C-alpha atoms as a PDB file:
ATOM      1  CA  MET A   1      54.722  98.266 -25.780  1.00  0.00           C
ATOM      2  CA  ASN A   2      55.994  96.977 -22.055  1.00  0.00           C
ATOM      3  CA  LYS A   3      58.096  93.803 -22.394  1.00  0.00           C
ATOM      4  CA  CYS A   4      55.674  91.924 -20.046  1.00  0.00           C
ATOM      5  CA  ASP A   5      52.908  92.123 -22.156  1.00  0.00           C
ATOM      6  CA  GLN A   6      53.357  88.845 -23.802  1.00  0.00           C
ATOM      7  CA  PHE A   7      53.718  86.863 -21.007  1.00  0.00           C
ATOM      8  CA  PRO A   8      50.609  87.292 -18.756  1.00  0.00           C
ATOM      9  CA  GLU A   9      49.064  84.554 -20.660  1.00  0.00           C
ATOM     10  CA  LEU A  10      51.658  82.248 -20.135  1.00  0.00           C
ATOM     11  CA  ILE A  11      51.916  82.439 -16.232  1.00  0.00           C
ATOM     12  CA  GLU A  12      48.961  79.758 -15.650  1.00  0.00           C
ATOM     13  CA  ALA A  13      50.402  77.394 -18.251  1.00  0.00           C
ATOM     14  CA  TYR A  14      54.037  77.644 -16.686  1.00  0.00           C
ATOM     15  CA  ALA A  15      52.612  76.845 -13.187  1.00  0.00           C
ATOM     16  CA  LEU A  16      50.578  73.688 -14.544  1.00  0.00           C
ATOM     17  CA  GLY A  17      53.811  72.737 -16.264  1.00  0.00           C
ATOM     18  CA  ALA A  18      51.860  73.137 -19.929  1.00  0.00           C
ATOM     19  CA  LEU A  19      54.149  75.214 -21.675  1.00  0.00           C
ATOM     20  CA  ASP A  20      56.520  73.773 -24.513  1.00  0.00           C
ATOM     21  CA  ALA A  21      60.221  74.149 -24.435  1.00  0.00           C
ATOM     22  CA  GLU A  22      60.745  77.319 -26.594  1.00  0.00           C
ATOM     23  CA  GLU A  23      57.953  79.292 -24.644  1.00  0.00           C
ATOM     24  CA  ARG A  24      59.279  77.956 -21.435  1.00  0.00           C
ATOM     25  CA  VAL A  25      63.008  79.015 -21.944  1.00  0.00           C
ATOM     26  CA  ALA A  26      61.752  82.430 -23.285  1.00  0.00           C
ATOM     27  CA  PHE A  27      59.796  83.046 -20.035  1.00  0.00           C
ATOM     28  CA  GLU A  28      62.068  81.590 -17.589  1.00  0.00           C
ATOM     29  CA  ALA A  29      65.023  83.937 -19.425  1.00  0.00           C
ATOM     30  CA  HIS A  30      62.508  86.540 -18.571  1.00  0.00           C
ATOM     31  CA  LEU A  31      61.973  85.656 -14.777  1.00  0.00           C
ATOM     32  CA  ALA A  32      65.601  85.759 -14.629  1.00  0.00           C
ATOM     33  CA  THR A  33      65.513  89.582 -15.236  1.00  0.00           C
ATOM     34  CA  ALA A  34      63.860  89.770 -11.819  1.00  0.00           C
ATOM     35  CA  CYS A  35      60.689  90.970 -13.255  1.00  0.00           C
ATOM     36  CA  GLN A  36      58.661  91.634  -9.940  1.00  0.00           C
ATOM     37  CA  ASP A  37      55.040  91.704 -11.594  1.00  0.00           C
ATOM     38  CA  CYS A  38      55.691  88.294 -13.414  1.00  0.00           C
ATOM     39  CA  LEU A  39      57.835  86.612 -10.457  1.00  0.00           C
ATOM     40  CA  LYS A  40      54.453  87.796  -8.237  1.00  0.00           C
ATOM     41  CA  ALA A  41      52.238  86.385 -10.427  1.00  0.00           C
ATOM     42  CA  VAL A  42      54.144  83.198 -10.903  1.00  0.00           C
ATOM     43  CA  GLU A  43      54.468  82.847  -7.290  1.00  0.00           C
ATOM     44  CA  GLU A  44      50.358  83.216  -6.861  1.00  0.00           C
ATOM     45  CA  ALA A  45      49.853  80.725  -9.973  1.00  0.00           C
ATOM     46  CA  LEU A  46      52.268  78.163  -8.168  1.00  0.00           C
ATOM     47  CA  TRP A  47      50.075  78.357  -5.179  1.00  0.00           C
ATOM     48  CA  LEU A  48      46.704  77.972  -6.686  1.00  0.00           C
ATOM     49  CA  VAL A  49      48.009  74.995  -8.343  1.00  0.00           C
ATOM     50  CA  SER A  50      49.538  73.411  -5.167  1.00  0.00           C
ATOM     51  CA  GLN A  51      46.060  73.451  -3.515  1.00  0.00           C
ATOM     52  CA  LEU A  52      44.643  71.298  -5.932  1.00  0.00           C
ATOM     53  CA  GLY A  53      46.260  68.333  -3.698  1.00  0.00           C
ATOM     54  CA  ASP A  54      45.336  70.066  -0.560  1.00  0.00           C
ATOM     55  CA  LEU A  55      41.652  70.620  -0.707  1.00  0.00           C
ATOM     56  CA  ALA A  56      39.738  68.881   1.994  1.00  0.00           C
ATOM     57  CA  PRO A  57      38.255  65.606   0.610  1.00  0.00           C
ATOM     58  CA  ASP A  58      34.552  66.454   1.364  1.00  0.00           C
ATOM     59  CA  ALA A  59      34.584  69.717  -0.416  1.00  0.00           C
ATOM     60  CA  GLY A  60      34.574  70.939  -4.120  1.00  0.00           C
ATOM     61  CA  PRO A  61      37.261  73.071  -5.604  1.00  0.00           C
ATOM     62  CA  SER A  62      37.779  76.354  -4.243  1.00  0.00           C
ATOM     63  CA  GLU A  63      36.012  79.599  -5.613  1.00  0.00           C
ATOM     64  CA  MET A  64      39.052  81.194  -6.346  1.00  0.00           C
ATOM     65  CA  LEU A  65      40.665  78.596  -8.457  1.00  0.00           C
ATOM     66  CA  LYS A  66      37.377  77.986 -10.276  1.00  0.00           C
ATOM     67  CA  GLY A  67      37.079  81.649 -10.937  1.00  0.00           C
ATOM     68  CA  ARG A  68      40.792  81.731 -12.098  1.00  0.00           C
ATOM     69  CA  LEU A  69      40.460  79.233 -14.553  1.00  0.00           C
ATOM     70  CA  MET A  70      37.155  80.204 -15.856  1.00  0.00           C
ATOM     71  CA  GLN A  71      38.532  83.569 -16.377  1.00  0.00           C
ATOM     72  CA  THR A  72      41.318  82.207 -18.248  1.00  0.00           C
ATOM     73  CA  VAL A  73      39.162  80.264 -20.670  1.00  0.00           C
ATOM     74  CA  ARG A  74      36.689  83.114 -21.345  1.00  0.00           C
ATOM     75  CA  SER A  75      39.979  85.456 -21.782  1.00  0.00           C
ATOM     76  CA  GLU A  76      41.481  82.764 -24.271  1.00  0.00           C
ATOM     77  CA  ALA A  77      38.375  82.793 -26.213  1.00  0.00           C
ATOM     78  CA  ARG A  78      38.262  86.195 -26.731  1.00  0.00           C
ATOM     79  CA  MET A  79      41.682  86.547 -27.909  1.00  0.00           C
ATOM     80  CA  ALA A  80      40.910  83.880 -30.387  1.00  0.00           C
ATOM     81  CA  LYS A  81      37.877  85.332 -31.872  1.00  0.00           C
ATOM     82  CA  SER A  82      39.859  89.113 -32.146  1.00  0.00           C
ATOM     83  CA  SER A  83      42.987  87.360 -33.745  1.00  0.00           C
ATOM     84  CA  LEU A  84      43.729  87.894 -37.072  1.00  0.00           C
ATOM     85  CA  LYS A  85      44.861  84.545 -37.463  1.00  0.00           C
ATOM     86  CA  PRO A  86      42.168  82.512 -35.415  1.00  0.00           C
ATOM     87  CA  LYS A  87      43.646  79.404 -33.604  1.00  0.00           C
ATOM     88  CA  THR A  88      42.242  76.100 -34.809  1.00  0.00           C
ATOM     89  CA  SER A  89      42.478  74.318 -31.494  1.00  0.00           C
ATOM     90  CA  ILE A  90      42.308  75.086 -27.614  1.00  0.00           C
ATOM     91  CA  PRO A  91      45.889  75.260 -26.108  1.00  0.00           C
ATOM     92  CA  PHE A  92      47.067  72.025 -24.331  1.00  0.00           C
ATOM     93  CA  TRP A  93      47.451  73.908 -21.139  1.00  0.00           C
ATOM     94  CA  MET A  94      44.014  75.056 -21.124  1.00  0.00           C
ATOM     95  CA  TRP A  95      42.910  71.703 -21.324  1.00  0.00           C
ATOM     96  CA  ALA A  96      45.078  70.550 -18.840  1.00  0.00           C
ATOM     97  CA  GLY A  97      43.454  73.034 -16.414  1.00  0.00           C
ATOM     98  CA  VAL A  98      40.126  71.935 -16.867  1.00  0.00           C
ATOM     99  CA  ALA A  99      40.877  68.394 -16.768  1.00  0.00           C
ATOM    100  CA  ALA A 100      42.518  69.181 -13.357  1.00  0.00           C
ATOM    101  CA  LEU A 101      39.080  70.903 -12.109  1.00  0.00           C
ATOM    102  CA  LEU A 102      37.228  68.155 -13.487  1.00  0.00           C
ATOM    103  CA  VAL A 103      39.151  65.487 -11.717  1.00  0.00           C
ATOM    104  CA  LEU A 104      39.300  67.198  -8.671  1.00  0.00           C
ATOM    105  CA  THR A 105      35.516  67.503  -8.533  1.00  0.00           C
ATOM    106  CA  LEU A 106      35.016  63.987  -9.408  1.00  0.00           C
ATOM    107  CA  TYR A 107      37.528  62.973  -6.646  1.00  0.00           C
ATOM    108  CA  SER A 108      35.816  65.180  -4.060  1.00  0.00           C
ATOM    109  CA  GLY A 109      32.646  63.548  -4.791  1.00  0.00           C
ATOM    110  CA  TRP A 110      33.942  60.279  -4.772  1.00  0.00           C
ATOM    111  CA  ASP A 111      35.719  60.748  -1.341  1.00  0.00           C
ATOM    112  CA  ALA A 112      32.924  62.229   0.003  1.00  0.00           C
ATOM    113  CA  ARG A 113      30.946  59.046  -0.502  1.00  0.00           C
ATOM    114  CA  ARG A 114      33.767  56.920   0.812  1.00  0.00           C
ATOM    115  CA  LEU A 115      33.552  58.986   4.064  1.00  0.00           C
ATOM    116  CA  GLN A 116      29.947  58.992   4.311  1.00  0.00           C
ATOM    117  CA  ARG A 117      29.950  55.406   4.017  1.00  0.00           C
ATOM    118  CA  ASP A 118      32.937  55.069   6.873  1.00  0.00           C
ATOM    119  CA  MET A 119      31.115  57.074   8.961  1.00  0.00           C
ATOM    120  CA  GLU A 120      27.741  54.749   8.564  1.00  0.00           C
ATOM    121  CA  ALA A 121      30.141  51.722   9.515  1.00  0.00           C
ATOM    122  CA  ALA A 122      31.407  53.465  12.321  1.00  0.00           C
ATOM    123  CA  ASN A 123      28.086  54.389  13.469  1.00  0.00           C
ATOM    124  CA  GLN A 124      26.834  50.951  13.391  1.00  0.00           C
ATOM    125  CA  ARG A 125      29.834  49.416  15.258  1.00  0.00           C
ATOM    126  CA  ALA A 126      29.383  51.996  17.727  1.00  0.00           C
ATOM    127  CA  THR A 127      25.644  50.791  18.142  1.00  0.00           C
ATOM    128  CA  ALA A 128      26.417  47.042  18.318  1.00  0.00           C
ATOM    129  CA  THR A 129      29.155  47.785  20.851  1.00  0.00           C
ATOM    130  CA  LEU A 130      26.781  50.175  23.048  1.00  0.00           C
ATOM    131  CA  GLN A 131      23.836  47.205  22.596  1.00  0.00           C
ATOM    132  CA  GLN A 132      26.674  44.337  23.668  1.00  0.00           C
ATOM    133  CA  ARG A 133      27.386  46.839  26.683  1.00  0.00           C
ATOM    134  CA  LYS A 134      23.724  47.070  27.605  1.00  0.00           C
ATOM    135  CA  GLU A 135      23.551  43.237  27.403  1.00  0.00           C
ATOM    136  CA  LEU A 136      26.419  42.810  29.432  1.00  0.00           C
ATOM    137  CA  GLU A 137      25.560  45.188  32.160  1.00  0.00           C
ATOM    138  CA  ALA A 138      22.088  43.629  32.448  1.00  0.00           C
ATOM    139  CA  GLN A 139      23.587  40.112  32.560  1.00  0.00           C
ATOM    140  CA  LEU A 140      25.914  41.550  35.496  1.00  0.00           C
ATOM    141  CA  GLN A 141      22.943  43.011  37.347  1.00  0.00           C
ATOM    142  CA  LEU A 142      21.173  39.367  36.860  1.00  0.00           C
ATOM    143  CA  ALA A 143      24.474  37.760  38.105  1.00  0.00           C
ATOM    144  CA  ARG A 144      24.590  39.868  41.166  1.00  0.00           C
ATOM    145  CA  ARG A 145      20.778  39.410  42.049  1.00  0.00           C
ATOM    146  CA  GLU A 146      21.359  35.755  41.777  1.00  0.00           C
ATOM    147  CA  ALA A 147      24.219  35.728  43.912  1.00  0.00           C
ATOM    148  CA  ARG A 148      22.261  37.749  46.689  1.00  0.00           C
ATOM    149  CA  ILE A 149      19.437  35.555  46.356  1.00  0.00           C
ATOM    150  CA  LEU A 150      21.594  32.446  46.902  1.00  0.00           C
ATOM    151  CA  THR A 151      23.463  33.684  49.972  1.00  0.00           C
ATOM    152  CA  ASP A 152      21.350  35.843  51.961  1.00  0.00           C
ATOM    153  CA  PRO A 153      19.875  34.250  55.053  1.00  0.00           C
ATOM    154  CA  ASN A 154      16.197  35.288  54.206  1.00  0.00           C
ATOM    155  CA  SER A 155      16.001  32.945  51.256  1.00  0.00           C
ATOM    156  CA  LYS A 156      13.705  30.159  51.272  1.00  0.00           C
ATOM    157  CA  LYS A 157      15.229  26.755  49.767  1.00  0.00           C
ATOM    158  CA  ILE A 158      12.338  24.831  47.945  1.00  0.00           C
ATOM    159  CA  MET A 159      13.146  21.520  46.690  1.00  0.00           C
ATOM    160  CA  LEU A 160      11.387  20.267  43.354  1.00  0.00           C
ATOM    161  CA  PRO A 161      11.396  16.304  43.153  1.00  0.00           C
ATOM    162  CA  PRO A 162      10.577  15.055  39.662  1.00  0.00           C
ATOM    163  CA  LYS A 163       7.466  13.098  38.897  1.00  0.00           C
ATOM    164  CA  ASP A 164       9.575  11.007  36.727  1.00  0.00           C
ATOM    165  CA  VAL A 165      12.483   9.468  38.560  1.00  0.00           C
ATOM    166  CA  LEU A 166      14.596   9.349  35.570  1.00  0.00           C
ATOM    167  CA  MET A 167      14.576  13.259  35.471  1.00  0.00           C
ATOM    168  CA  PRO A 168      16.904  15.386  37.657  1.00  0.00           C
ATOM    169  CA  GLN A 169      15.765  17.309  40.772  1.00  0.00           C
ATOM    170  CA  LEU A 170      15.553  20.924  40.645  1.00  0.00           C
ATOM    171  CA  GLU A 171      16.148  23.570  43.382  1.00  0.00           C
ATOM    172  CA  ALA A 172      14.798  26.991  43.927  1.00  0.00           C
ATOM    173  CA  MET A 173      15.520  29.880  46.390  1.00  0.00           C
ATOM    174  CA  TRP A 174      13.063  32.423  47.113  1.00  0.00           C
ATOM    175  CA  HIS A 175      13.849  35.897  48.844  1.00  0.00           C
ATOM    176  CA  PRO A 176      10.835  37.743  49.962  1.00  0.00           C
ATOM    177  CA  GLU A 177      12.154  41.090  47.959  1.00  0.00           C
ATOM    178  CA  LEU A 178      14.937  39.774  45.298  1.00  0.00           C
ATOM    179  CA  GLY A 179      12.635  37.304  43.696  1.00  0.00           C
ATOM    180  CA  LEU A 180      13.445  33.533  42.897  1.00  0.00           C
ATOM    181  CA  CYS A 181      16.379  31.652  41.326  1.00  0.00           C
ATOM    182  CA  LEU A 182      15.400  28.160  39.869  1.00  0.00           C
ATOM    183  CA  MET A 183      18.284  25.858  39.184  1.00  0.00           C
ATOM    184  CA  GLY A 184      18.659  22.620  37.439  1.00  0.00           C
ATOM    185  CA  GLN A 185      21.848  20.173  36.058  1.00  0.00           C
ATOM    186  CA  LYS A 186      21.397  17.676  33.505  1.00  0.00           C
ATOM    187  CA  VAL A 187      18.061  18.578  32.185  1.00  0.00           C
ATOM    188  CA  PRO A 188      16.758  17.337  28.901  1.00  0.00           C
ATOM    189  CA  SER A 189      15.503  19.894  26.435  1.00  0.00           C
ATOM    190  CA  PRO A 190      11.711  19.463  25.746  1.00  0.00           C
ATOM    191  CA  ALA A 191      10.946  17.744  22.423  1.00  0.00           C
ATOM    192  CA  ASN A 192       8.449  19.080  19.502  1.00  0.00           C
ATOM    193  CA  ARG A 193       8.908  22.658  20.006  1.00  0.00           C
ATOM    194  CA  ARG A 194       7.989  22.829  23.558  1.00  0.00           C
ATOM    195  CA  VAL A 195       9.121  24.646  26.438  1.00  0.00           C
ATOM    196  CA  PHE A 196       8.912  24.441  30.356  1.00  0.00           C
ATOM    197  CA  GLN A 197       6.976  26.960  32.187  1.00  0.00           C
ATOM    198  CA  LEU A 198       7.030  27.822  35.909  1.00  0.00           C
ATOM    199  CA  TRP A 199       3.945  28.317  37.766  1.00  0.00           C
ATOM    200  CA  LEU A 200       2.835  29.517  41.261  1.00  0.00           C
ATOM    201  CA  ILE A 201      -0.001  27.745  43.097  1.00  0.00           C
ATOM    202  CA  PRO A 202      -1.805  30.407  45.681  1.00  0.00           C
ATOM    203  CA  LYS A 203      -2.817  29.355  48.840  1.00  0.00           C
ATOM    204  CA  THR A 204      -6.393  30.779  48.289  1.00  0.00           C
ATOM    205  CA  PRO A 205      -9.007  28.300  48.139  1.00  0.00           C
ATOM    206  CA  GLY A 206     -10.258  28.135  44.076  1.00  0.00           C
ATOM    207  CA  SER A 207      -7.495  30.031  42.983  1.00  0.00           C
ATOM    208  CA  LYS A 208      -5.688  29.226  39.465  1.00  0.00           C
ATOM    209  CA  PRO A 209      -2.241  28.685  38.818  1.00  0.00           C
ATOM    210  CA  LEU A 210      -0.165  31.878  38.032  1.00  0.00           C
ATOM    211  CA  PRO A 211       1.850  31.605  34.816  1.00  0.00           C
ATOM    212  CA  MET A 212       5.315  32.499  35.274  1.00  0.00           C
ATOM    213  CA  GLN A 213       8.330  32.451  32.505  1.00  0.00           C
ATOM    214  CA  THR A 214       9.192  29.676  30.264  1.00  0.00           C
ATOM    215  CA  LEU A 215      12.339  27.908  30.772  1.00  0.00           C
ATOM    216  CA  TRP A 216      14.740  25.828  28.629  1.00  0.00           C
ATOM    217  CA  PRO A 217      18.156  24.144  29.419  1.00  0.00           C
ATOM    218  CA  ASP A 218      21.307  25.198  27.768  1.00  0.00           C
ATOM    219  CA  ALA A 219      23.365  22.621  25.314  1.00  0.00           C
ATOM    220  CA  ASP A 220      24.733  21.017  28.706  1.00  0.00           C
ATOM    221  CA  GLY A 221      21.405  20.555  30.544  1.00  0.00           C
ATOM    222  CA  LYS A 222      21.848  23.564  32.973  1.00  0.00           C
ATOM    223  CA  MET A 223      18.869  25.602  33.644  1.00  0.00           C
ATOM    224  CA  VAL A 224      19.187  28.617  35.658  1.00  0.00           C
ATOM    225  CA  ARG A 225      16.461  31.262  35.809  1.00  0.00           C
ATOM    226  CA  VAL A 226      16.073  34.144  37.820  1.00  0.00           C
ATOM    227  CA  VAL A 227      12.455  35.640  38.639  1.00  0.00           C
ATOM    228  CA  GLU A 228      12.609  39.460  39.821  1.00  0.00           C
ATOM    229  CA  ASN A 229       8.731  40.406  40.216  1.00  0.00           C
ATOM    230  CA  MET A 230       7.011  37.742  41.781  1.00  0.00           C
ATOM    231  CA  PRO A 231       3.199  38.115  41.333  1.00  0.00           C
ATOM    232  CA  GLU A 232       2.410  36.297  44.913  1.00  0.00           C
ATOM    233  CA  PRO A 233       3.996  36.959  47.900  1.00  0.00           C
ATOM    234  CA  MET A 234       5.869  33.687  49.610  1.00  0.00           C
ATOM    235  CA  TRP A 235       3.467  33.551  52.586  1.00  0.00           C
ATOM    236  CA  ASN A 236       0.423  33.372  50.188  1.00  0.00           C
ATOM    237  CA  THR A 237       2.098  30.852  48.052  1.00  0.00           C
ATOM    238  CA  LYS A 238       1.558  26.873  48.515  1.00  0.00           C
ATOM    239  CA  ALA A 239       3.746  25.497  45.817  1.00  0.00           C
ATOM    240  CA  ILE A 240       5.583  26.235  42.459  1.00  0.00           C
ATOM    241  CA  ALA A 241       5.357  23.831  39.763  1.00  0.00           C
ATOM    242  CA  ILE A 242       6.859  23.474  36.387  1.00  0.00           C
ATOM    243  CA  THR A 243       5.166  21.654  33.251  1.00  0.00           C
ATOM    244  CA  GLU A 244       5.824  20.969  29.820  1.00  0.00           C
ATOM    245  CA  GLU A 245       3.802  23.529  27.555  1.00  0.00           C
ATOM    246  CA  PRO A 246       3.659  24.504  23.710  1.00  0.00           C
ATOM    247  CA  GLU A 247       6.520  27.283  22.331  1.00  0.00           C
ATOM    248  CA  GLY A 248       5.643  30.404  23.874  1.00  0.00           C
ATOM    249  CA  GLY A 249       3.985  29.529  26.932  1.00  0.00           C
ATOM    250  CA  SER A 250       0.295  29.252  28.163  1.00  0.00           C
ATOM    251  CA  PRO A 251      -2.017  31.071  30.327  1.00  0.00           C
ATOM    252  CA  GLN A 252      -3.236  28.072  32.062  1.00  0.00           C
ATOM    253  CA  PRO A 253      -1.292  24.560  32.369  1.00  0.00           C
ATOM    254  CA  THR A 254      -2.189  21.849  29.221  1.00  0.00           C
ATOM    255  CA  SER A 255      -0.105  19.137  31.237  1.00  0.00           C
ATOM    256  CA  GLU A 256       0.506  17.450  34.277  1.00  0.00           C
ATOM    257  CA  PRO A 257       3.499  19.090  36.627  1.00  0.00           C
ATOM    258  CA  MET A 258       6.708  17.506  36.066  1.00  0.00           C
ATOM    259  CA  TRP A 259       8.285  18.873  39.174  1.00  0.00           C
ATOM    260  CA  VAL A 260       6.571  20.234  42.315  1.00  0.00           C
ATOM    261  CA  GLY A 261       8.055  21.871  45.235  1.00  0.00           C
ATOM    262  CA  GLY A 262       6.000  23.413  48.214  1.00  0.00           C
ATOM    263  CA  VAL A 263       6.410  26.495  49.918  1.00  0.00           C
ATOM    264  CA  SER A 264       5.822  26.133  53.663  1.00  0.00           C
END
């Protein structure tokens, strides 16, 4: 019988570090004889074991490793059945290999779920950043339009004196092409869930006021609104007015104007 025939079943156990002291000493003594077949087999087994820690996080154990472990388990089972002295328990090294395969499978599944959660969180952050960028770009474009309306010599200044002397005066700049910019300082906020609403009063006899955007001042009382698309040209508008309306605005005024400015 070839002197190597007694060692093949020890190779995987040796690579996993599962041999007892006596078996390990005997096997290493055999390896010291420079047996090329056993050295090559040990090198391959050690390489397979080393791959347990290097597998990709989102993948399961390699088919090669699964096949090698399952082949060893089946081989051991056949040997146990055919032996004159059946073994009463499965060798520790075999349990160690199966346990390693199970732990790796569980880890891979957990790490894949963690990676998926990280990717979802990253996508949410990217979406929020993109939305914020769009909002900033819109604000920048609006600020540029406001600056052009305020500085262009073709813009017409419209003063809106208040009906109530205790209220501040508002001011508007209307450009024939760029739109209207309404401004006010120290404007008190409407009460009872109401808002201010801008109206255009056409020159055409019998025409009803045209409803425009709703308005509200900020916490400091500053009120600025740029209206880009005016429904009526400046030359056909008699005045602009602001009323106090229910939240959401109204199709027609429900109260007397609080500010009115003539457009000549």
